[in-house]
N, C-alpha and C. Protein backbone atom coordinates (compact mmCIF):
# COMPACT_ATOMS: atom_id res chain seq x y z
N UNK A 1 67.28 -31.44 154.89
CA UNK A 1 68.57 -30.81 154.98
C UNK A 1 69.11 -30.55 153.57
N UNK A 2 69.59 -29.34 153.35
CA UNK A 2 70.16 -28.97 152.06
C UNK A 2 71.64 -29.32 152.08
N UNK A 3 72.06 -30.02 151.06
CA UNK A 3 73.47 -30.41 150.99
C UNK A 3 74.26 -29.31 150.30
N UNK A 4 75.33 -28.79 150.91
CA UNK A 4 76.14 -27.70 150.32
C UNK A 4 76.65 -28.04 148.93
N UNK A 5 77.05 -29.28 148.69
CA UNK A 5 77.58 -29.66 147.38
C UNK A 5 76.51 -29.49 146.29
N UNK A 6 75.26 -29.87 146.58
CA UNK A 6 74.17 -29.76 145.60
C UNK A 6 73.90 -28.29 145.28
N UNK A 7 73.91 -27.43 146.29
CA UNK A 7 73.67 -26.00 146.07
C UNK A 7 74.80 -25.41 145.24
N UNK A 8 76.03 -25.74 145.57
CA UNK A 8 77.19 -25.22 144.83
C UNK A 8 77.15 -25.70 143.39
N UNK A 9 76.79 -26.96 143.18
CA UNK A 9 76.72 -27.51 141.82
C UNK A 9 75.63 -26.81 141.02
N UNK A 10 74.47 -26.61 141.61
CA UNK A 10 73.37 -25.93 140.92
C UNK A 10 73.76 -24.49 140.58
N UNK A 11 74.42 -23.80 141.51
CA UNK A 11 74.86 -22.43 141.26
C UNK A 11 75.88 -22.38 140.13
N UNK A 12 76.79 -23.34 140.11
CA UNK A 12 77.79 -23.40 139.05
C UNK A 12 77.12 -23.53 137.69
N UNK A 13 76.17 -24.45 137.58
CA UNK A 13 75.51 -24.66 136.29
C UNK A 13 74.66 -23.45 135.89
N UNK A 14 74.04 -22.79 136.83
CA UNK A 14 73.27 -21.59 136.51
C UNK A 14 74.18 -20.49 135.98
N UNK A 15 75.33 -20.29 136.62
CA UNK A 15 76.28 -19.28 136.15
C UNK A 15 76.89 -19.66 134.82
N UNK A 16 77.14 -20.93 134.61
CA UNK A 16 77.74 -21.38 133.35
C UNK A 16 76.81 -21.13 132.18
N UNK A 17 75.51 -21.09 132.41
CA UNK A 17 74.55 -20.88 131.33
C UNK A 17 74.38 -19.40 130.97
N UNK A 18 74.81 -18.47 131.82
CA UNK A 18 74.63 -17.05 131.56
C UNK A 18 75.19 -16.60 130.22
N UNK A 19 76.39 -16.98 129.81
CA UNK A 19 76.90 -16.51 128.52
C UNK A 19 76.01 -16.92 127.35
N UNK A 20 75.29 -18.02 127.47
CA UNK A 20 74.42 -18.44 126.37
C UNK A 20 73.27 -17.48 126.16
N UNK A 21 72.89 -16.75 127.20
CA UNK A 21 71.80 -15.82 127.06
C UNK A 21 72.27 -14.44 126.62
N UNK A 22 73.57 -14.21 126.58
CA UNK A 22 74.09 -12.91 126.18
C UNK A 22 74.04 -12.74 124.68
N UNK A 23 74.45 -11.58 124.20
CA UNK A 23 74.41 -11.25 122.78
C UNK A 23 75.18 -12.24 121.94
N UNK A 24 76.31 -12.69 122.39
CA UNK A 24 77.13 -13.60 121.60
C UNK A 24 76.73 -15.05 121.72
N UNK A 25 75.78 -15.38 122.58
CA UNK A 25 75.39 -16.76 122.79
C UNK A 25 74.60 -17.30 121.62
N UNK A 26 74.57 -18.62 121.51
CA UNK A 26 73.89 -19.23 120.38
C UNK A 26 72.49 -19.69 120.72
N UNK A 27 72.05 -19.51 121.96
CA UNK A 27 70.74 -20.02 122.31
C UNK A 27 69.70 -18.93 122.50
N UNK A 28 69.98 -17.71 122.10
CA UNK A 28 69.02 -16.62 122.27
C UNK A 28 67.77 -16.89 121.45
N UNK A 29 66.61 -16.65 122.07
CA UNK A 29 65.35 -16.79 121.37
C UNK A 29 64.89 -15.49 120.75
N UNK A 30 65.66 -14.42 120.92
CA UNK A 30 65.29 -13.12 120.36
C UNK A 30 65.47 -13.13 118.86
N UNK A 31 64.67 -12.32 118.13
CA UNK A 31 64.84 -12.24 116.68
C UNK A 31 66.25 -11.78 116.32
N UNK A 32 66.74 -12.17 115.15
CA UNK A 32 68.10 -11.84 114.73
C UNK A 32 68.35 -10.34 114.72
N UNK A 33 67.36 -9.54 114.32
CA UNK A 33 67.57 -8.10 114.21
C UNK A 33 67.58 -7.44 115.59
N UNK A 34 67.05 -8.09 116.61
CA UNK A 34 66.96 -7.52 117.93
C UNK A 34 67.96 -8.19 118.87
N UNK A 35 68.07 -9.45 118.84
CA UNK A 35 68.88 -10.33 119.66
C UNK A 35 68.90 -9.99 121.14
N UNK A 36 67.78 -9.44 121.63
CA UNK A 36 67.57 -9.33 123.06
C UNK A 36 68.20 -8.18 123.79
N UNK A 37 68.77 -7.20 123.10
CA UNK A 37 69.30 -6.05 123.83
C UNK A 37 69.31 -4.81 122.96
N UNK A 38 69.39 -3.67 123.64
CA UNK A 38 69.50 -2.39 122.96
C UNK A 38 70.92 -1.88 123.13
N UNK A 39 71.34 -1.04 122.18
CA UNK A 39 72.66 -0.42 122.29
C UNK A 39 72.49 1.02 122.72
N UNK A 40 73.11 1.38 123.81
CA UNK A 40 73.20 2.77 124.21
C UNK A 40 74.53 3.29 123.69
N UNK A 41 74.70 4.59 123.70
CA UNK A 41 75.97 5.16 123.25
C UNK A 41 77.10 4.55 124.06
N UNK A 42 78.12 4.07 123.36
CA UNK A 42 79.27 3.49 124.01
C UNK A 42 79.08 2.04 124.44
N UNK A 43 77.90 1.45 124.18
CA UNK A 43 77.60 0.08 124.59
C UNK A 43 77.86 -0.89 123.45
N UNK A 44 79.09 -0.99 123.02
CA UNK A 44 79.45 -1.89 121.93
C UNK A 44 80.57 -2.81 122.39
N UNK A 45 80.16 -3.92 123.00
CA UNK A 45 81.15 -4.84 123.52
C UNK A 45 81.33 -6.05 122.62
N UNK A 46 80.90 -5.94 121.37
CA UNK A 46 81.00 -7.05 120.45
C UNK A 46 81.01 -6.54 119.02
N UNK A 47 81.32 -7.40 118.10
CA UNK A 47 81.38 -7.03 116.69
C UNK A 47 80.07 -7.35 116.00
N UNK A 48 79.73 -6.55 115.03
CA UNK A 48 78.52 -6.77 114.25
C UNK A 48 78.89 -7.26 112.88
N UNK A 49 77.88 -7.67 112.12
CA UNK A 49 78.12 -8.22 110.78
C UNK A 49 78.79 -7.21 109.89
N UNK A 50 79.80 -7.62 109.19
CA UNK A 50 80.46 -6.86 108.14
C UNK A 50 79.95 -7.44 106.83
N UNK A 51 80.40 -6.96 105.69
CA UNK A 51 79.90 -7.55 104.45
C UNK A 51 80.32 -9.01 104.33
N UNK A 52 79.70 -9.84 105.12
CA UNK A 52 79.93 -11.28 105.13
C UNK A 52 78.69 -11.92 105.71
N UNK A 53 78.51 -13.21 105.57
CA UNK A 53 77.30 -13.86 106.07
C UNK A 53 77.08 -13.69 107.56
N UNK A 54 78.11 -13.68 108.37
CA UNK A 54 77.96 -13.53 109.81
C UNK A 54 79.17 -12.82 110.37
N UNK A 55 79.00 -12.25 111.56
CA UNK A 55 80.11 -11.54 112.19
C UNK A 55 81.06 -12.53 112.85
N UNK A 56 82.14 -11.99 113.37
CA UNK A 56 83.17 -12.83 113.97
C UNK A 56 82.71 -13.48 115.26
N UNK A 57 81.68 -12.95 115.92
CA UNK A 57 81.24 -13.57 117.16
C UNK A 57 80.04 -14.48 116.98
N UNK A 58 79.64 -14.75 115.73
CA UNK A 58 78.61 -15.74 115.46
C UNK A 58 77.19 -15.23 115.45
N UNK A 59 76.97 -13.93 115.59
CA UNK A 59 75.59 -13.43 115.48
C UNK A 59 75.55 -12.31 114.46
N UNK A 60 74.37 -12.04 113.97
CA UNK A 60 74.20 -10.93 113.04
C UNK A 60 72.86 -10.28 113.30
N UNK A 61 72.62 -9.18 112.64
CA UNK A 61 71.36 -8.47 112.76
C UNK A 61 70.45 -8.78 111.59
N UNK A 62 70.77 -9.78 110.83
CA UNK A 62 69.99 -10.14 109.65
C UNK A 62 70.90 -10.16 108.43
N UNK A 63 70.28 -10.29 107.28
CA UNK A 63 71.02 -10.37 106.03
C UNK A 63 71.76 -9.06 105.78
N UNK A 64 73.03 -9.16 105.39
CA UNK A 64 73.83 -7.97 105.09
C UNK A 64 73.49 -7.51 103.68
N UNK A 65 73.11 -6.24 103.55
CA UNK A 65 72.80 -5.63 102.27
C UNK A 65 73.87 -4.60 101.95
N UNK A 66 74.64 -4.86 100.89
CA UNK A 66 75.67 -3.92 100.45
C UNK A 66 74.96 -2.70 99.84
N UNK A 67 75.29 -1.51 100.30
CA UNK A 67 74.66 -0.29 99.78
C UNK A 67 75.50 0.40 98.72
N UNK A 68 76.73 -0.06 98.55
CA UNK A 68 77.57 0.48 97.49
C UNK A 68 78.77 1.24 98.00
N UNK A 69 79.44 1.88 97.04
CA UNK A 69 80.63 2.67 97.33
C UNK A 69 80.45 4.05 96.70
N UNK A 70 81.09 5.03 97.31
CA UNK A 70 81.07 6.40 96.78
C UNK A 70 82.44 7.02 97.02
N UNK A 71 82.78 7.98 96.17
CA UNK A 71 84.00 8.75 96.37
C UNK A 71 83.62 10.22 96.46
N UNK A 72 84.11 10.87 97.50
CA UNK A 72 83.83 12.29 97.70
C UNK A 72 84.90 12.87 98.61
N UNK A 73 85.28 14.10 98.36
CA UNK A 73 86.26 14.79 99.20
C UNK A 73 87.57 14.03 99.33
N UNK A 74 87.95 13.28 98.31
CA UNK A 74 89.18 12.50 98.36
C UNK A 74 89.07 11.23 99.18
N UNK A 75 87.85 10.86 99.57
CA UNK A 75 87.63 9.67 100.38
C UNK A 75 86.87 8.62 99.59
N UNK A 76 87.14 7.37 99.88
CA UNK A 76 86.38 6.25 99.33
C UNK A 76 85.55 5.70 100.49
N UNK A 77 84.22 5.67 100.31
CA UNK A 77 83.31 5.29 101.37
C UNK A 77 82.47 4.11 100.90
N UNK A 78 82.38 3.08 101.72
CA UNK A 78 81.58 1.89 101.42
C UNK A 78 80.61 1.69 102.57
N UNK A 79 79.35 1.32 102.27
CA UNK A 79 78.34 1.17 103.32
C UNK A 79 77.55 -0.12 103.14
N UNK A 80 77.08 -0.64 104.27
CA UNK A 80 76.16 -1.78 104.27
C UNK A 80 75.19 -1.61 105.44
N UNK A 81 74.08 -2.31 105.34
CA UNK A 81 73.11 -2.35 106.44
C UNK A 81 72.79 -3.81 106.71
N UNK A 82 72.29 -4.08 107.90
CA UNK A 82 71.92 -5.44 108.28
C UNK A 82 70.41 -5.50 108.48
N UNK A 83 69.76 -6.48 107.87
CA UNK A 83 68.34 -6.70 108.10
C UNK A 83 67.46 -5.67 107.43
N UNK A 84 66.21 -5.66 107.86
CA UNK A 84 65.19 -4.78 107.29
C UNK A 84 65.28 -3.37 107.86
N UNK A 85 64.79 -2.41 107.09
CA UNK A 85 64.68 -1.02 107.54
C UNK A 85 63.19 -0.74 107.69
N UNK A 86 62.76 -0.42 108.92
CA UNK A 86 61.35 -0.18 109.19
C UNK A 86 61.17 1.19 109.83
N UNK A 87 60.20 1.95 109.33
CA UNK A 87 59.90 3.26 109.90
C UNK A 87 59.66 3.12 111.40
N UNK A 88 60.29 4.00 112.17
CA UNK A 88 60.16 3.99 113.62
C UNK A 88 61.11 3.03 114.32
N UNK A 89 61.85 2.22 113.56
CA UNK A 89 62.80 1.27 114.15
C UNK A 89 64.21 1.81 114.09
N UNK A 90 65.16 0.89 114.12
CA UNK A 90 66.55 1.29 113.92
C UNK A 90 67.19 0.34 112.92
N UNK A 91 68.28 0.80 112.34
CA UNK A 91 68.97 0.02 111.32
C UNK A 91 70.45 -0.06 111.67
N UNK A 92 71.00 -1.27 111.82
CA UNK A 92 72.43 -1.42 112.03
C UNK A 92 73.18 -1.08 110.74
N UNK A 93 74.11 -0.14 110.82
CA UNK A 93 74.84 0.35 109.65
C UNK A 93 76.33 0.19 109.88
N UNK A 94 77.05 -0.25 108.83
CA UNK A 94 78.50 -0.35 108.85
C UNK A 94 79.05 0.48 107.69
N UNK A 95 80.13 1.23 107.95
CA UNK A 95 80.75 2.07 106.92
C UNK A 95 82.26 1.94 107.02
N UNK A 96 82.88 1.80 105.85
CA UNK A 96 84.32 1.77 105.73
C UNK A 96 84.76 3.03 105.01
N UNK A 97 85.72 3.75 105.55
CA UNK A 97 86.24 4.97 104.94
C UNK A 97 87.66 4.68 104.50
N UNK A 98 87.92 4.86 103.19
CA UNK A 98 89.23 4.53 102.62
C UNK A 98 89.62 3.09 102.94
N UNK A 99 88.63 2.19 102.91
CA UNK A 99 88.87 0.77 103.13
C UNK A 99 88.97 0.37 104.59
N UNK A 100 88.77 1.28 105.50
CA UNK A 100 88.89 0.95 106.92
C UNK A 100 88.10 1.90 107.79
N UNK A 101 88.78 2.49 108.76
CA UNK A 101 88.10 3.33 109.74
C UNK A 101 88.59 4.77 109.70
N UNK A 102 88.88 5.30 108.51
CA UNK A 102 89.37 6.66 108.36
C UNK A 102 88.38 7.71 108.84
N UNK A 103 88.87 8.92 109.08
CA UNK A 103 88.04 10.03 109.54
C UNK A 103 88.21 10.23 111.04
N UNK A 104 87.94 11.45 111.49
CA UNK A 104 88.02 11.76 112.91
C UNK A 104 86.71 11.46 113.62
N UNK A 105 85.61 11.72 112.95
CA UNK A 105 84.27 11.42 113.48
C UNK A 105 83.39 11.08 112.28
N UNK A 106 82.50 10.13 112.47
CA UNK A 106 81.59 9.73 111.41
C UNK A 106 80.18 9.68 112.00
N UNK A 107 79.23 10.28 111.27
CA UNK A 107 77.83 10.30 111.71
C UNK A 107 76.96 9.76 110.59
N UNK A 108 75.90 9.04 110.96
CA UNK A 108 74.95 8.48 110.00
C UNK A 108 73.56 8.99 110.35
N UNK A 109 72.71 9.12 109.34
CA UNK A 109 71.28 9.33 109.55
C UNK A 109 70.53 8.78 108.36
N UNK A 110 69.27 8.50 108.59
CA UNK A 110 68.38 8.01 107.53
C UNK A 110 67.30 9.05 107.36
N UNK A 111 67.06 9.42 106.10
CA UNK A 111 66.05 10.43 105.79
C UNK A 111 66.51 11.27 104.63
N UNK A 112 66.31 12.59 104.75
CA UNK A 112 66.72 13.52 103.70
C UNK A 112 68.11 14.06 104.00
N UNK A 113 68.75 14.61 102.98
CA UNK A 113 70.13 15.10 103.14
C UNK A 113 70.25 16.17 104.22
N UNK A 114 69.21 17.02 104.35
CA UNK A 114 69.27 18.08 105.36
C UNK A 114 69.01 17.57 106.78
N UNK A 115 68.72 16.27 106.92
CA UNK A 115 68.49 15.60 108.21
C UNK A 115 67.23 16.07 108.93
N UNK A 116 66.38 16.83 108.26
CA UNK A 116 65.14 17.29 108.88
C UNK A 116 64.26 16.09 109.25
N UNK A 117 63.89 15.99 110.52
CA UNK A 117 63.07 14.89 111.00
C UNK A 117 63.87 13.63 111.31
N UNK A 118 65.20 13.71 111.19
CA UNK A 118 66.07 12.56 111.46
C UNK A 118 66.96 12.85 112.66
N UNK A 119 67.55 11.81 113.19
CA UNK A 119 68.51 11.95 114.28
C UNK A 119 69.86 11.45 113.78
N UNK A 120 70.87 12.33 113.85
CA UNK A 120 72.22 11.92 113.46
C UNK A 120 72.81 11.08 114.59
N UNK A 121 73.38 9.95 114.20
CA UNK A 121 74.00 9.04 115.18
C UNK A 121 75.50 9.04 114.96
N UNK A 122 76.26 9.30 116.00
CA UNK A 122 77.72 9.25 115.90
C UNK A 122 78.15 7.79 115.95
N UNK A 123 78.89 7.37 114.95
CA UNK A 123 79.35 5.99 114.86
C UNK A 123 80.59 5.78 115.70
N UNK A 124 80.84 4.52 116.03
CA UNK A 124 82.04 4.14 116.77
C UNK A 124 82.83 3.13 115.95
N UNK A 125 84.12 3.08 116.18
CA UNK A 125 84.97 2.13 115.47
C UNK A 125 84.74 0.74 116.05
N UNK A 126 84.51 -0.21 115.16
CA UNK A 126 84.42 -1.62 115.52
C UNK A 126 85.35 -2.38 114.59
N UNK A 127 86.42 -2.88 115.11
CA UNK A 127 87.46 -3.64 114.41
C UNK A 127 88.06 -2.79 113.29
N UNK A 128 87.51 -2.85 112.08
CA UNK A 128 88.10 -2.15 110.93
C UNK A 128 87.12 -1.24 110.22
N UNK A 129 86.03 -0.84 110.89
CA UNK A 129 85.01 -0.01 110.25
C UNK A 129 84.23 0.77 111.31
N UNK A 130 83.36 1.64 110.83
CA UNK A 130 82.49 2.44 111.70
C UNK A 130 81.14 1.74 111.80
N UNK A 131 80.52 1.76 112.98
CA UNK A 131 79.23 1.09 113.17
C UNK A 131 78.36 1.87 114.15
N UNK A 132 77.06 1.85 113.88
CA UNK A 132 76.07 2.31 114.86
C UNK A 132 74.71 1.83 114.40
N UNK A 133 73.73 2.00 115.27
CA UNK A 133 72.34 1.74 114.92
C UNK A 133 71.69 3.11 114.69
N UNK A 134 71.09 3.28 113.52
CA UNK A 134 70.52 4.55 113.13
C UNK A 134 69.01 4.50 113.30
N UNK A 135 68.44 5.52 113.93
CA UNK A 135 66.98 5.60 114.06
C UNK A 135 66.38 5.92 112.69
N UNK A 136 65.29 5.23 112.37
CA UNK A 136 64.60 5.43 111.10
C UNK A 136 63.38 6.30 111.38
N UNK A 137 63.24 7.45 110.68
CA UNK A 137 62.10 8.33 110.94
C UNK A 137 60.78 7.66 110.56
N UNK A 138 59.72 8.08 111.23
CA UNK A 138 58.38 7.59 110.94
C UNK A 138 57.46 8.79 110.86
N UNK A 139 57.01 9.14 109.67
CA UNK A 139 57.18 8.42 108.41
C UNK A 139 58.55 8.75 107.77
N UNK A 140 58.97 7.85 106.88
CA UNK A 140 60.20 8.11 106.13
C UNK A 140 59.86 9.06 104.99
N UNK A 141 60.64 10.15 104.83
CA UNK A 141 60.36 11.08 103.73
C UNK A 141 60.61 10.43 102.36
N UNK A 142 59.97 10.97 101.34
CA UNK A 142 60.20 10.49 99.97
C UNK A 142 61.68 10.61 99.64
N UNK A 143 62.23 9.62 98.98
CA UNK A 143 63.64 9.66 98.60
C UNK A 143 64.60 9.40 99.74
N UNK A 144 64.11 8.78 100.80
CA UNK A 144 64.95 8.49 101.97
C UNK A 144 66.20 7.73 101.57
N UNK A 145 67.32 8.15 102.16
CA UNK A 145 68.61 7.49 101.94
C UNK A 145 69.34 7.38 103.27
N UNK A 146 70.41 6.59 103.25
CA UNK A 146 71.38 6.61 104.34
C UNK A 146 72.36 7.71 104.01
N UNK A 147 72.58 8.60 104.94
CA UNK A 147 73.55 9.68 104.76
C UNK A 147 74.72 9.46 105.70
N UNK A 148 75.92 9.65 105.19
CA UNK A 148 77.15 9.46 105.96
C UNK A 148 77.92 10.77 105.92
N UNK A 149 78.25 11.29 107.09
CA UNK A 149 79.03 12.51 107.22
C UNK A 149 80.36 12.16 107.87
N UNK A 150 81.45 12.44 107.17
CA UNK A 150 82.78 12.16 107.68
C UNK A 150 83.46 13.47 108.00
N UNK A 151 83.86 13.62 109.24
CA UNK A 151 84.58 14.82 109.67
C UNK A 151 86.07 14.52 109.61
N UNK A 152 86.76 15.29 108.80
CA UNK A 152 88.20 15.11 108.64
C UNK A 152 88.99 16.09 109.47
N UNK A 153 90.28 16.16 109.19
CA UNK A 153 91.16 17.09 109.89
C UNK A 153 90.68 18.53 109.67
N UNK A 154 90.78 19.33 110.70
CA UNK A 154 90.39 20.74 110.61
C UNK A 154 88.89 20.95 110.57
N UNK A 155 88.10 19.89 110.79
CA UNK A 155 86.65 20.03 110.83
C UNK A 155 85.95 19.96 109.48
N UNK A 156 86.70 19.77 108.39
CA UNK A 156 86.07 19.65 107.07
C UNK A 156 85.15 18.44 107.06
N UNK A 157 83.94 18.61 106.48
CA UNK A 157 82.97 17.52 106.46
C UNK A 157 82.65 17.12 105.04
N UNK A 158 82.58 15.81 104.83
CA UNK A 158 82.19 15.23 103.55
C UNK A 158 80.91 14.45 103.79
N UNK A 159 79.90 14.67 102.96
CA UNK A 159 78.61 13.97 103.10
C UNK A 159 78.30 13.22 101.82
N UNK A 160 77.93 11.94 101.97
CA UNK A 160 77.51 11.13 100.83
C UNK A 160 76.23 10.39 101.20
N UNK A 161 75.41 10.12 100.18
CA UNK A 161 74.16 9.40 100.40
C UNK A 161 74.17 8.05 99.69
N UNK A 162 73.50 7.08 100.30
CA UNK A 162 73.40 5.74 99.73
C UNK A 162 71.93 5.32 99.68
N UNK A 163 71.53 4.73 98.56
CA UNK A 163 70.21 4.14 98.42
C UNK A 163 70.12 2.99 99.43
N UNK A 164 69.03 2.91 100.18
CA UNK A 164 68.88 1.88 101.20
C UNK A 164 68.52 0.52 100.62
N UNK A 165 68.21 0.47 99.33
CA UNK A 165 67.84 -0.78 98.66
C UNK A 165 66.71 -1.49 99.38
N UNK A 166 65.65 -0.72 99.60
CA UNK A 166 64.48 -1.27 100.26
C UNK A 166 63.77 -2.15 99.29
């Protein structure tokens, strides 16, 4: 005979363990750069690493690499990436515009400035900056950089490139 209390208790403990397996949990066995899930467009229910050792929710995509700052079109742009950049993979990228999340739309790509052979990824606002995972072309063209396109009022676009510090 199955005792209802034992079944209810087992179910409670099984459900209580679910958050530990999610992205923000501390017991994931997935590598730091992967952490067990993919991001689809609009699938950002948590914060990623900013230029700090770890993000606010306790996980990161690897070591944060500051890519520098640039000024263009009256904007101050700062970029960082998390973890390694591998041809055929993706790279988590964070960008701050004018110290925060300025701009109407922000797109990132890795490759050449003309984006030939690359896929532009539209970034989303996360807390105080823009974030997305950028597909890395395979093979990566010579002189590959991170390119950031900021669309301002009236559709004006500003593009800046950052050395990936591979």
